Protein backbone atom coordinates (compact mmCIF):
# COMPACT_ATOMS: atom_id res chain seq x y z
CA MET A 1 -132.49 -25.71 107.61
CA LEU A 2 -129.85 -28.43 107.26
CA LYS A 3 -132.10 -30.29 104.82
CA ARG A 4 -132.47 -27.16 102.65
CA LEU A 5 -128.69 -26.65 102.63
CA LEU A 6 -128.14 -30.27 101.54
CA ILE A 7 -130.67 -29.88 98.73
CA CYS A 8 -129.03 -26.62 97.54
CA ALA A 9 -125.58 -28.21 97.68
CA GLY A 10 -126.84 -31.19 95.69
CA LEU A 11 -128.36 -28.94 93.00
CA LEU A 12 -125.16 -26.89 92.81
CA GLY A 13 -123.12 -30.05 92.42
CA LEU A 14 -125.42 -31.24 89.66
CA LEU A 15 -125.05 -27.93 87.79
CA LEU A 16 -121.27 -28.06 88.04
CA ALA A 17 -121.23 -31.65 86.77
CA LEU A 18 -123.41 -31.02 83.71
CA PRO A 19 -120.63 -29.57 81.46
CA PHE A 20 -118.36 -32.52 82.21
CA TYR A 21 -121.20 -34.95 81.53
CA PHE A 22 -121.94 -33.47 78.13
CA ARG A 23 -118.25 -33.08 77.25
CA LYS A 24 -117.74 -36.80 77.81
CA LYS A 25 -120.75 -37.57 75.60
CA GLU A 26 -119.42 -35.38 72.76
CA ALA A 27 -115.78 -36.50 72.87
CA PRO A 28 -116.11 -39.80 70.96
CA GLU A 29 -117.92 -38.09 68.07
CA VAL A 30 -115.25 -35.38 67.72
CA PHE A 31 -112.46 -37.95 67.85
CA SER A 32 -114.19 -40.10 65.25
CA SER A 33 -114.54 -37.12 62.89
CA ASP A 34 -110.91 -36.02 63.32
CA SER A 35 -109.58 -39.52 62.74
CA GLU A 36 -111.01 -39.47 59.23
CA THR A 37 -109.44 -36.11 58.37
CA ASP A 38 -105.71 -35.40 58.08
CA THR A 39 -104.32 -31.98 59.02
CA VAL A 40 -101.40 -29.84 57.91
CA VAL A 41 -100.48 -26.76 59.94
CA VAL A 42 -99.24 -23.91 57.73
CA ILE A 43 -97.84 -20.59 58.92
CA CYS A 44 -97.94 -17.86 56.26
CA ALA A 45 -98.75 -14.24 55.49
CA HIS A 46 -101.10 -15.11 52.59
CA ASN A 47 -104.40 -13.29 52.47
CA LYS A 48 -107.75 -15.03 52.93
CA THR A 49 -108.35 -15.31 49.18
CA VAL A 50 -105.17 -17.33 48.69
CA ARG A 51 -105.83 -19.43 51.79
CA ASP A 52 -109.36 -20.28 50.64
CA GLU A 53 -108.21 -21.32 47.16
CA TYR A 54 -105.37 -23.38 48.66
CA GLU A 55 -107.77 -25.18 50.97
CA GLN A 56 -110.27 -26.11 48.27
CA ALA A 57 -107.74 -27.19 45.65
CA PHE A 58 -105.49 -29.12 48.05
CA ALA A 59 -108.45 -30.97 49.62
CA LYS A 60 -109.60 -32.11 46.15
CA TRP A 61 -106.08 -33.14 45.08
CA TYR A 62 -105.42 -34.95 48.38
CA LYS A 63 -108.70 -36.89 48.20
CA GLU A 64 -107.89 -38.04 44.67
CA LYS A 65 -104.33 -39.08 45.62
CA PHE A 66 -104.88 -40.67 49.04
CA GLY A 67 -108.61 -41.25 49.37
CA ARG A 68 -108.71 -39.19 52.59
CA ASN A 69 -109.93 -35.79 53.67
CA VAL A 70 -107.48 -33.08 54.67
CA LYS A 71 -107.74 -29.65 56.21
CA ILE A 72 -105.21 -26.84 56.38
CA ASP A 73 -104.82 -25.21 59.77
CA PHE A 74 -103.53 -21.77 58.81
CA ARG A 75 -101.59 -19.65 61.30
CA THR A 76 -101.22 -15.98 60.31
CA PRO A 77 -99.43 -13.99 63.05
CA GLY A 78 -98.55 -11.11 60.72
CA GLY A 79 -96.07 -10.32 57.96
CA THR A 80 -92.97 -12.30 57.10
CA SER A 81 -90.86 -10.56 59.74
CA ASP A 82 -93.46 -11.37 62.40
CA ILE A 83 -93.58 -14.99 61.26
CA THR A 84 -89.82 -15.53 61.33
CA ARG A 85 -89.59 -13.87 64.74
CA TYR A 86 -92.36 -16.16 65.98
CA ILE A 87 -90.67 -19.29 64.57
CA ASN A 88 -87.35 -18.31 66.14
CA ASP A 89 -88.91 -17.63 69.56
CA ARG A 90 -90.87 -20.90 69.52
CA PHE A 91 -87.84 -23.03 68.58
CA HIS A 92 -85.83 -21.29 71.29
CA ALA A 93 -88.48 -22.12 73.89
CA GLU A 94 -89.08 -25.70 72.70
CA PHE A 95 -85.39 -26.56 72.51
CA ARG A 96 -84.84 -25.23 76.01
CA PHE A 97 -87.71 -27.38 77.25
CA TYR A 98 -86.20 -30.36 75.37
CA LEU A 99 -82.83 -29.93 77.09
CA GLU A 100 -84.27 -29.35 80.55
CA LYS A 101 -86.44 -32.45 80.13
CA LYS A 102 -83.21 -34.39 79.52
CA GLY A 103 -81.76 -32.95 82.69
CA VAL A 104 -79.48 -30.40 81.00
CA GLU A 105 -79.42 -27.06 82.80
CA TRP A 106 -80.09 -24.22 80.38
CA ARG A 107 -77.45 -21.55 79.92
CA LYS A 108 -77.88 -18.21 78.22
CA GLU A 109 -75.16 -19.03 75.68
CA TYR A 110 -77.19 -21.99 74.43
CA GLY A 111 -79.77 -19.59 73.03
CA ASP A 112 -77.05 -18.01 70.87
CA VAL A 113 -75.40 -21.20 69.55
CA PHE A 114 -78.16 -23.78 69.00
CA ALA A 115 -79.40 -22.07 65.80
CA ASP A 116 -76.05 -20.66 64.64
CA LYS A 117 -74.81 -22.41 61.49
CA TRP A 118 -71.22 -21.42 62.31
CA GLN A 119 -71.33 -23.37 65.58
CA LYS A 120 -71.47 -26.79 63.88
CA ASP A 121 -68.96 -28.34 66.32
CA HIS A 122 -70.66 -27.09 69.47
CA PRO A 123 -72.36 -29.99 71.29
CA ILE A 124 -75.56 -27.94 71.81
CA ARG A 125 -75.79 -27.18 68.08
CA ARG A 126 -75.21 -30.85 67.23
CA ASP A 127 -77.84 -31.87 69.78
CA PHE A 128 -80.40 -29.55 68.18
CA LEU A 129 -79.71 -30.77 64.63
CA ALA A 130 -79.96 -34.40 65.78
CA SER A 131 -83.27 -33.75 67.53
CA ASP A 132 -86.83 -33.76 66.28
CA VAL A 133 -87.75 -30.66 68.29
CA GLY A 134 -90.78 -29.00 66.72
CA ILE A 135 -93.10 -26.07 67.31
CA GLY A 136 -96.40 -27.64 66.34
CA ILE A 137 -96.22 -26.23 62.81
CA ASP A 138 -95.58 -28.25 59.66
CA VAL A 139 -94.97 -25.76 56.89
CA PHE A 140 -93.78 -22.17 56.43
CA ALA A 141 -95.10 -20.76 53.14
CA GLY A 142 -94.19 -17.51 51.34
CA GLY A 143 -91.86 -14.70 52.29
CA GLY A 144 -88.92 -14.83 49.87
CA THR A 145 -85.75 -16.91 49.63
CA PHE A 146 -83.74 -14.80 52.10
CA GLU A 147 -85.94 -15.68 55.06
CA HIS A 148 -86.27 -19.32 54.00
CA LEU A 149 -82.52 -19.65 53.60
CA ARG A 150 -82.09 -18.17 57.06
CA MET A 151 -84.57 -20.70 58.49
CA ALA A 152 -82.62 -23.47 56.74
CA ASP A 153 -79.29 -22.20 58.09
CA CYS A 154 -80.71 -22.07 61.61
CA GLY A 155 -81.77 -25.70 61.29
CA TYR A 156 -85.47 -24.88 61.60
CA ALA A 157 -86.20 -26.25 58.11
CA VAL A 158 -85.55 -29.83 56.99
CA ASP A 159 -85.21 -31.68 53.69
CA GLY A 160 -88.63 -31.90 52.04
CA LYS A 161 -87.35 -34.71 49.76
CA VAL A 162 -89.51 -33.56 46.83
CA LYS A 163 -86.80 -34.48 44.32
CA GLU A 164 -86.86 -38.04 45.58
CA ARG A 165 -90.63 -38.34 45.16
CA HIS A 166 -91.06 -36.21 42.03
CA PRO A 167 -87.90 -35.73 39.98
CA GLU A 168 -90.13 -34.89 37.02
CA TYR A 169 -91.07 -31.53 38.57
CA PHE A 170 -87.53 -30.27 38.22
CA LYS A 171 -87.43 -30.75 34.47
CA TYR A 172 -89.15 -27.36 34.30
CA ILE A 173 -87.91 -25.73 37.54
CA PRO A 174 -84.39 -24.27 37.32
CA GLU A 175 -82.15 -24.26 40.38
CA PHE A 176 -80.98 -20.68 39.72
CA PHE A 177 -82.40 -17.68 37.90
CA GLY A 178 -81.46 -14.01 37.91
CA GLY A 179 -78.93 -14.55 40.67
CA ASP A 180 -81.50 -16.13 43.01
CA ARG A 181 -81.54 -19.78 44.09
CA ILE A 182 -84.97 -21.14 43.26
CA TYR A 183 -84.71 -24.19 45.51
CA HIS A 184 -82.34 -25.22 48.28
CA PRO A 185 -79.66 -27.77 47.29
CA GLU A 186 -80.60 -29.91 50.32
CA GLY A 187 -84.34 -29.57 49.81
CA LYS A 188 -84.85 -27.16 52.72
CA TYR A 189 -87.04 -24.84 50.65
CA TYR A 190 -88.66 -24.90 47.22
CA GLY A 191 -89.75 -21.90 45.18
CA VAL A 192 -93.44 -22.15 44.32
CA VAL A 193 -93.97 -18.94 42.34
CA MET A 194 -91.75 -16.21 40.93
CA SER A 195 -92.02 -12.64 42.15
CA THR A 196 -90.85 -9.38 40.66
CA PHE A 197 -90.82 -5.99 42.32
CA GLY A 198 -92.07 -2.93 40.55
CA ILE A 199 -94.18 0.22 40.64
CA LEU A 200 -97.95 0.36 40.90
CA TYR A 201 -99.58 3.67 40.00
CA ASN A 202 -103.07 5.07 39.76
CA ARG A 203 -103.73 6.68 36.38
CA ASP A 204 -106.26 9.18 37.76
CA ARG A 205 -104.00 10.35 40.61
CA VAL A 206 -100.93 10.66 38.40
CA GLY A 207 -103.10 12.64 35.97
CA GLU A 208 -103.67 15.21 38.72
CA LEU A 209 -99.94 15.95 39.09
CA SER A 210 -98.25 18.90 37.41
CA ASP A 211 -96.13 16.40 35.49
CA LYS A 212 -98.53 13.69 34.34
CA THR A 213 -95.83 11.34 33.02
CA PRO A 214 -96.35 7.84 34.49
CA PRO A 215 -93.46 6.55 36.62
CA GLU A 216 -91.22 4.15 34.72
CA ARG A 217 -88.06 3.92 36.85
CA TRP A 218 -87.33 3.59 40.56
CA SER A 219 -85.77 7.06 40.43
CA ASP A 220 -89.12 8.53 39.31
CA LEU A 221 -90.56 7.78 42.74
CA GLY A 222 -87.85 9.97 44.28
CA SER A 223 -88.88 12.96 42.17
CA GLY A 224 -90.31 15.99 43.98
CA ARG A 225 -93.48 15.79 41.87
CA PHE A 226 -94.53 12.77 43.93
CA PHE A 227 -94.20 14.59 47.27
CA ASN A 228 -96.94 13.51 49.68
CA THR A 229 -98.50 11.10 47.15
CA LEU A 230 -96.74 7.74 47.72
CA VAL A 231 -97.63 4.78 49.93
CA LEU A 232 -94.85 2.41 51.10
CA ALA A 233 -94.55 -0.60 53.37
CA ASP A 234 -92.45 -0.70 56.52
CA PRO A 235 -89.47 -3.06 55.90
CA THR A 236 -89.30 -3.97 59.60
CA LYS A 237 -92.80 -5.47 59.26
CA SER A 238 -92.69 -6.74 55.67
CA GLY A 239 -89.88 -8.94 54.34
CA SER A 240 -91.07 -8.43 50.77
CA ALA A 241 -90.90 -4.65 51.17
CA ASN A 242 -87.33 -4.87 52.47
CA LYS A 243 -86.44 -7.07 49.49
CA CYS A 244 -87.85 -4.43 47.16
CA TYR A 245 -85.69 -1.72 48.75
CA GLU A 246 -82.66 -4.00 48.47
CA ILE A 247 -83.42 -4.36 44.76
CA ILE A 248 -83.47 -0.56 44.38
CA ILE A 249 -79.96 -0.39 45.87
CA GLN A 250 -78.78 -3.24 43.63
CA GLN A 251 -80.19 -1.40 40.62
CA CYS A 252 -78.16 1.67 41.57
CA MET A 253 -75.05 -0.51 41.95
CA ALA A 254 -75.67 -1.98 38.49
CA ASP A 255 -76.18 1.49 36.97
CA THR A 256 -73.02 3.00 38.46
CA GLY A 257 -70.87 -0.12 38.18
CA SER A 258 -69.67 0.60 41.70
CA PRO A 259 -71.01 -0.99 44.90
CA GLN A 260 -69.63 1.96 46.89
CA GLN A 261 -71.33 4.65 44.80
CA GLY A 262 -74.40 2.47 44.20
CA TRP A 263 -74.95 2.04 47.96
CA ARG A 264 -74.71 5.80 48.49
CA ASP A 265 -77.01 6.60 45.54
CA GLY A 266 -79.47 3.87 46.48
CA MET A 267 -79.76 4.85 50.15
CA ASN A 268 -80.30 8.49 49.23
CA LEU A 269 -82.85 7.57 46.56
CA LEU A 270 -84.70 5.60 49.24
CA LYS A 271 -84.61 8.69 51.46
CA ARG A 272 -86.30 10.78 48.77
CA ILE A 273 -88.85 8.04 48.10
CA PHE A 274 -89.71 7.75 51.79
CA ALA A 275 -89.81 11.57 52.06
CA ASN A 276 -92.46 11.52 49.32
CA ALA A 277 -94.61 9.03 51.25
CA ARG A 278 -97.84 10.20 52.81
CA THR A 279 -98.51 6.74 54.26
CA ILE A 280 -96.27 3.94 55.52
CA THR A 281 -98.12 0.69 56.12
CA ASP A 282 -97.39 -2.49 58.06
CA SER A 283 -98.31 -4.66 55.09
CA ALA A 284 -97.06 -4.78 51.49
CA SER A 285 -100.55 -5.83 50.35
CA ARG A 286 -102.08 -2.60 51.65
CA VAL A 287 -99.86 -0.58 49.31
CA ALA A 288 -101.77 -1.96 46.33
CA GLY A 289 -105.11 -1.36 48.02
CA ASP A 290 -104.32 2.29 48.76
CA VAL A 291 -103.15 2.91 45.19
CA GLY A 292 -106.21 1.14 43.85
CA LYS A 293 -108.56 3.26 45.93
CA GLY A 294 -106.79 6.44 44.88
CA GLU A 295 -105.50 7.22 48.34
CA ALA A 296 -102.01 7.37 46.83
CA ALA A 297 -100.70 8.08 43.36
CA ALA A 298 -98.12 5.28 43.40
CA GLY A 299 -96.09 2.89 45.48
CA THR A 300 -93.65 -0.01 45.33
CA ALA A 301 -95.34 -3.38 44.89
CA ILE A 302 -94.85 -7.09 44.36
CA ASP A 303 -96.18 -8.19 41.00
CA THR A 304 -98.94 -10.36 42.43
CA TYR A 305 -100.43 -7.44 44.39
CA GLY A 306 -100.07 -5.18 41.39
CA PHE A 307 -101.67 -7.56 38.90
CA THR A 308 -104.45 -8.45 41.33
CA GLU A 309 -105.30 -4.78 41.75
CA GLU A 310 -105.25 -4.31 37.98
CA LEU A 311 -107.72 -7.16 37.49
CA TRP A 312 -109.96 -5.96 40.32
CA SER A 313 -110.04 -2.44 38.93
CA GLU A 314 -110.90 -3.75 35.47
CA HIS A 315 -113.63 -5.99 36.90
CA CYS A 316 -115.25 -3.15 38.86
CA LEU A 317 -114.81 -0.24 36.45
CA GLY A 318 -114.67 -1.89 33.03
CA GLU A 319 -111.08 -0.79 32.53
CA SER A 320 -108.13 -0.77 34.87
CA HIS A 321 -107.32 2.53 36.57
CA VAL A 322 -104.13 1.12 38.06
CA VAL A 323 -101.03 -0.12 36.26
CA TYR A 324 -98.18 -2.34 37.42
CA VAL A 325 -94.86 -1.72 35.66
CA MET A 326 -91.50 -3.44 35.92
CA PRO A 327 -89.06 -0.52 36.17
CA LYS A 328 -86.98 0.24 33.10
CA GLY A 329 -83.48 -1.07 33.40
CA GLY A 330 -84.83 -4.25 34.91
CA THR A 331 -85.78 -5.57 38.29
CA ALA A 332 -84.80 -8.69 40.13
CA VAL A 333 -86.85 -11.86 40.01
CA GLY A 334 -87.02 -14.00 43.11
CA ALA A 335 -88.81 -17.14 44.22
CA ASP A 336 -91.51 -17.27 46.85
CA PRO A 337 -90.80 -20.59 48.62
CA VAL A 338 -92.29 -23.17 50.93
CA GLN A 339 -90.44 -25.31 53.48
CA ILE A 340 -91.12 -28.10 55.98
CA LEU A 341 -90.15 -27.27 59.55
CA ARG A 342 -88.22 -29.49 61.94
CA GLY A 343 -90.42 -31.72 64.08
CA ALA A 344 -93.43 -31.28 61.77
CA PRO A 345 -96.25 -33.08 63.64
CA ASN A 346 -98.02 -34.04 60.40
CA ARG A 347 -95.04 -34.88 58.22
CA LYS A 348 -96.84 -36.94 55.57
CA ALA A 349 -99.53 -34.32 55.05
CA ALA A 350 -96.84 -31.61 55.00
CA GLU A 351 -94.94 -33.46 52.26
CA ALA A 352 -98.16 -33.83 50.31
CA PHE A 353 -98.88 -30.11 50.62
CA VAL A 354 -95.45 -29.17 49.25
CA ASP A 355 -95.82 -31.76 46.47
CA PHE A 356 -99.20 -30.25 45.56
CA LEU A 357 -97.86 -26.70 45.33
CA LEU A 358 -95.13 -27.82 42.90
CA SER A 359 -97.37 -30.13 40.90
CA ALA A 360 -99.04 -29.13 37.64
CA GLU A 361 -102.31 -28.71 39.58
CA GLY A 362 -100.73 -26.44 42.16
CA GLN A 363 -98.91 -24.37 39.57
CA LYS A 364 -102.08 -23.85 37.52
CA LEU A 365 -103.92 -22.79 40.68
CA HIS A 366 -101.47 -19.89 41.06
CA ALA A 367 -101.15 -18.92 37.41
CA PHE A 368 -104.49 -19.49 35.65
CA ARG A 369 -107.49 -17.19 35.62
CA ALA A 370 -110.43 -18.15 37.80
CA GLY A 371 -112.86 -20.47 36.03
CA THR A 372 -110.36 -21.75 33.45
CA PRO A 373 -109.42 -25.46 33.35
CA GLY A 374 -107.29 -26.07 36.41
CA GLY A 375 -107.61 -22.48 37.61
CA PRO A 376 -108.94 -21.19 40.92
CA VAL A 377 -112.64 -21.54 41.75
CA LYS A 378 -113.45 -17.95 42.71
CA THR A 379 -110.50 -15.58 42.51
CA THR A 380 -107.53 -15.28 40.16
CA LEU A 381 -104.38 -15.40 42.32
CA SER A 382 -102.13 -13.63 39.80
CA ARG A 383 -98.96 -15.51 40.73
CA ALA A 384 -96.28 -16.26 38.16
CA PRO A 385 -95.59 -20.04 38.28
CA VAL A 386 -92.09 -21.30 38.97
CA SER A 387 -92.51 -24.08 36.40
CA LYS A 388 -91.49 -22.97 32.91
CA GLU A 389 -93.95 -25.47 31.48
CA LEU A 390 -96.82 -23.11 32.28
CA TYR A 391 -95.48 -20.46 29.88
CA GLU A 392 -95.51 -22.87 26.94
CA GLY A 393 -98.10 -24.12 24.46
CA GLU A 394 -101.80 -24.04 25.24
CA ASN A 395 -101.16 -23.14 28.87
CA ARG A 396 -100.43 -19.54 27.90
CA GLN A 397 -104.04 -18.82 26.95
CA TYR A 398 -105.18 -19.45 30.53
CA LEU A 399 -102.53 -17.37 32.30
CA PHE A 400 -103.73 -14.46 34.42
CA LYS A 401 -101.76 -12.13 32.13
CA PRO A 402 -100.98 -13.84 28.83
CA GLY A 403 -97.59 -12.73 27.53
CA TYR A 404 -96.16 -11.99 30.97
CA ASN A 405 -93.11 -14.13 31.67
CA PRO A 406 -90.70 -13.31 34.52
CA TYR A 407 -88.15 -15.65 32.92
CA ALA A 408 -87.88 -13.37 29.86
CA PRO A 409 -84.28 -12.03 29.89
CA GLU A 410 -85.19 -8.44 29.04
CA ASN A 411 -87.22 -8.11 32.27
CA THR A 412 -84.41 -8.50 34.76
CA PHE A 413 -80.84 -7.85 35.79
CA ASP A 414 -78.74 -10.37 37.67
CA TYR A 415 -79.22 -9.94 41.39
CA GLN A 416 -75.92 -10.46 43.21
CA PRO A 417 -76.52 -11.81 46.73
CA LYS A 418 -72.90 -11.27 47.76
CA LEU A 419 -73.28 -7.48 47.40
CA THR A 420 -76.27 -6.84 49.67
CA GLY A 421 -77.71 -10.19 50.77
CA LYS A 422 -75.52 -10.34 53.88
CA TYR A 423 -76.64 -6.81 54.79
CA TYR A 424 -80.38 -7.57 54.57
CA THR A 425 -80.95 -6.95 58.29
CA LEU A 426 -78.61 -3.95 58.24
CA LEU A 427 -80.68 -2.40 55.44
CA ARG A 428 -83.92 -2.95 57.34
CA GLN A 429 -82.54 -1.28 60.47
CA SER A 430 -80.89 1.52 58.47
CA ILE A 431 -84.21 2.39 56.84
CA LYS A 432 -85.87 2.42 60.25
CA CYS A 433 -83.23 4.70 61.77
CA LEU A 434 -82.76 7.04 58.80
CA MET A 435 -86.23 7.17 57.24
CA LEU A 436 -88.91 5.90 59.61
CA ASP A 437 -87.96 7.16 63.09
CA PRO A 438 -87.17 10.71 61.83
CA HIS A 439 -89.82 10.64 59.09
CA ASP A 440 -91.40 13.98 60.03
CA GLU A 441 -88.05 15.77 60.05
CA MET A 442 -87.03 14.12 56.78
CA ARG A 443 -90.27 15.20 55.06
CA GLU A 444 -89.90 18.75 56.33
CA ALA A 445 -86.34 18.94 55.02
CA TRP A 446 -87.29 17.53 51.62
CA GLN A 447 -90.26 19.89 51.38
CA ALA A 448 -88.00 22.84 52.19
CA ILE A 449 -85.48 21.75 49.53
CA LEU A 450 -88.26 21.47 46.93
CA ALA A 451 -89.70 24.83 47.93
CA ALA A 452 -86.24 26.38 47.44
CA GLY A 453 -86.20 25.20 43.84
CA GLY A 454 -84.84 21.64 44.18
CA PRO A 455 -81.55 19.97 45.12
CA GLU A 456 -79.47 21.91 42.56
CA LYS A 457 -80.51 25.26 44.03
CA VAL A 458 -79.52 24.39 47.61
CA PRO A 459 -76.46 22.11 47.39
CA GLN A 460 -75.45 22.53 51.05
CA ALA A 461 -78.91 21.52 52.24
CA MET A 462 -78.94 18.54 49.91
CA ALA A 463 -75.49 17.43 51.07
CA LYS A 464 -76.73 17.47 54.67
CA PHE A 465 -79.88 15.59 53.66
CA ASN A 466 -77.71 12.93 51.99
CA GLU A 467 -75.35 12.26 54.90
CA LEU A 468 -75.13 8.57 55.88
CA PRO A 469 -73.89 6.97 59.12
CA PHE A 470 -71.54 4.66 57.19
CA GLU A 471 -70.31 3.92 53.68
CA TYR A 472 -70.59 0.59 51.88
CA SER A 473 -66.99 -0.20 52.74
CA GLU A 474 -67.96 0.06 56.42
CA ALA A 475 -71.15 -2.00 56.12
CA GLY A 476 -69.63 -5.12 57.66
CA LYS A 477 -68.54 -3.20 60.74
CA ALA A 478 -71.96 -1.49 60.95
CA ALA A 479 -73.76 -4.83 60.67
CA ALA A 480 -71.66 -6.24 63.52
CA ALA A 481 -72.45 -3.17 65.64
CA ILE A 482 -76.20 -3.89 65.54
CA ARG A 483 -75.93 -7.65 66.06
CA ILE A 484 -76.27 -8.93 69.61
CA SER A 485 -73.34 -11.20 70.45
CA GLY A 486 -70.97 -12.09 73.25
CA GLU A 487 -69.07 -8.89 72.56
CA ASN A 488 -72.11 -6.72 71.87
CA SER A 489 -75.00 -6.52 74.34
CA ALA A 490 -78.60 -5.59 73.56
CA VAL A 491 -78.04 -2.28 75.37
CA GLN A 492 -75.08 -1.48 73.13
CA VAL A 493 -77.05 -2.36 69.98
CA ALA A 494 -79.96 -0.14 71.09
CA ALA A 495 -77.54 2.72 71.77
CA THR A 496 -76.02 2.43 68.27
CA LEU A 497 -79.42 2.44 66.57
CA ARG A 498 -80.57 5.37 68.69
CA GLN A 499 -77.44 7.31 67.72
CA TRP A 500 -78.12 6.72 64.01
CA SER A 501 -81.70 7.96 64.41
CA GLU A 502 -80.76 11.07 66.39
CA THR A 503 -77.93 11.99 64.02
CA ALA A 504 -80.27 11.63 61.03
CA ARG A 505 -82.92 13.77 62.77
CA SER A 506 -80.31 16.46 63.43
CA ASN A 507 -79.10 16.35 59.82
CA TYR A 508 -82.63 16.81 58.48
CA ARG A 509 -83.26 19.78 60.74
CA GLU A 510 -80.02 21.36 59.55
CA ALA A 511 -80.91 20.58 55.91
CA ALA A 512 -84.27 22.33 56.37
CA ARG A 513 -82.58 25.38 57.88
CA LEU A 514 -80.03 25.60 55.05
CA ALA A 515 -82.74 25.19 52.40
CA LYS A 516 -84.80 28.02 53.89
CA GLU A 517 -81.70 30.22 53.76
CA GLY A 518 -81.21 29.29 50.11
CA LYS A 519 -77.91 27.53 50.71
């Protein structure tokens, strides 16, 4: 009996040891392979098509430049808002670990000051900026200049030093355009491509409407004829969507010549646009897909998604059934940047990746049609290059849309960051409280107003529909009320946001009642 037990125990021990035996045998081969391949870790919201083209083109460029292989380790936790939240949380955790490892006891206040640009004299802030604390990620790519500037201000991004290595790039890349800063003065982000925001519509679906006129202005999307036919992206999930809504407000400010009136008109136009939405998505890219498939008549879109859908529709159907338009009166042009993060574990490869994106090869990858000299291998990316050189001479014949140039002055108005840039987060939360949380009540009110003959027929109902929790002159105070600080707890912020939502819900119910009574 004892002998049998010893034999069984020996066999069990052998089985348990086998994985460790084979793991030891395999380890040297894996190490050998990795040592011959460099890595750059990139966090982004780019789709798989863009990631695949990046990987192929960068690997080829890197091999030619350095004689080594390279791979891109992509991290895609969600949209831009998800990414920036992730970066912030990771730096918070890693810096706390860094301090505790040095024997410094963590205090709650440190989490508020270490990434606050206004706390430059605080010893904890100075300690963070002097450190090489990292989060295991080299590069943050895409998402718009607002989020990249915020990462730079926090101290999460560092000088990429591209100007030192390649001053020739900046012969064709302006520092400013259309009110937007294309690259950071201290090299903490660099615009790679230019983006515009516009309207994407489906010709067939618009042709089914009582008024078949294609949408040409932002205000068209707020028309009652588009009720229950739009698709929009949630600005709390998509930074690019929030930027688009900010542009709509800026357009209203430009039209009225008054920030006060423009804010009021813009917010209420956004209400009507959201009331017309049948679908609100978590991703700006899905807007284009839904319009392309005919699940919606129109939606707001970034140019790259719009142009890609146009090309795809043309490829599949012989002619494009979707159209991307830059709204009449102009739209803002902004850069889509890339930045190197503090403590990048693969700094040299990260610098090379940023250099590649700004190089002639990287710019052609974004701008040229697939299969053209220097263009993508499989799929046209439909991104407008930041380098003006690509819009000149023989390059133009290879562009994904020859003749399209976001730098053309007639396409844009001057975006003024000082008017709404500082209220970017306030806008996002306002849309959530006024248009997303009470979306059902808002739609019912708008439908009742339309059924009564439109806003002019029921002025009392429309006035109730248009009520706002604060005016533009009170925006600074409102922004402070929803920002967690030493004077404002998370509980207080939540209570303020809940009050905005409940008041809006009540207003919409009252607007619906008034409309049904013909008032």
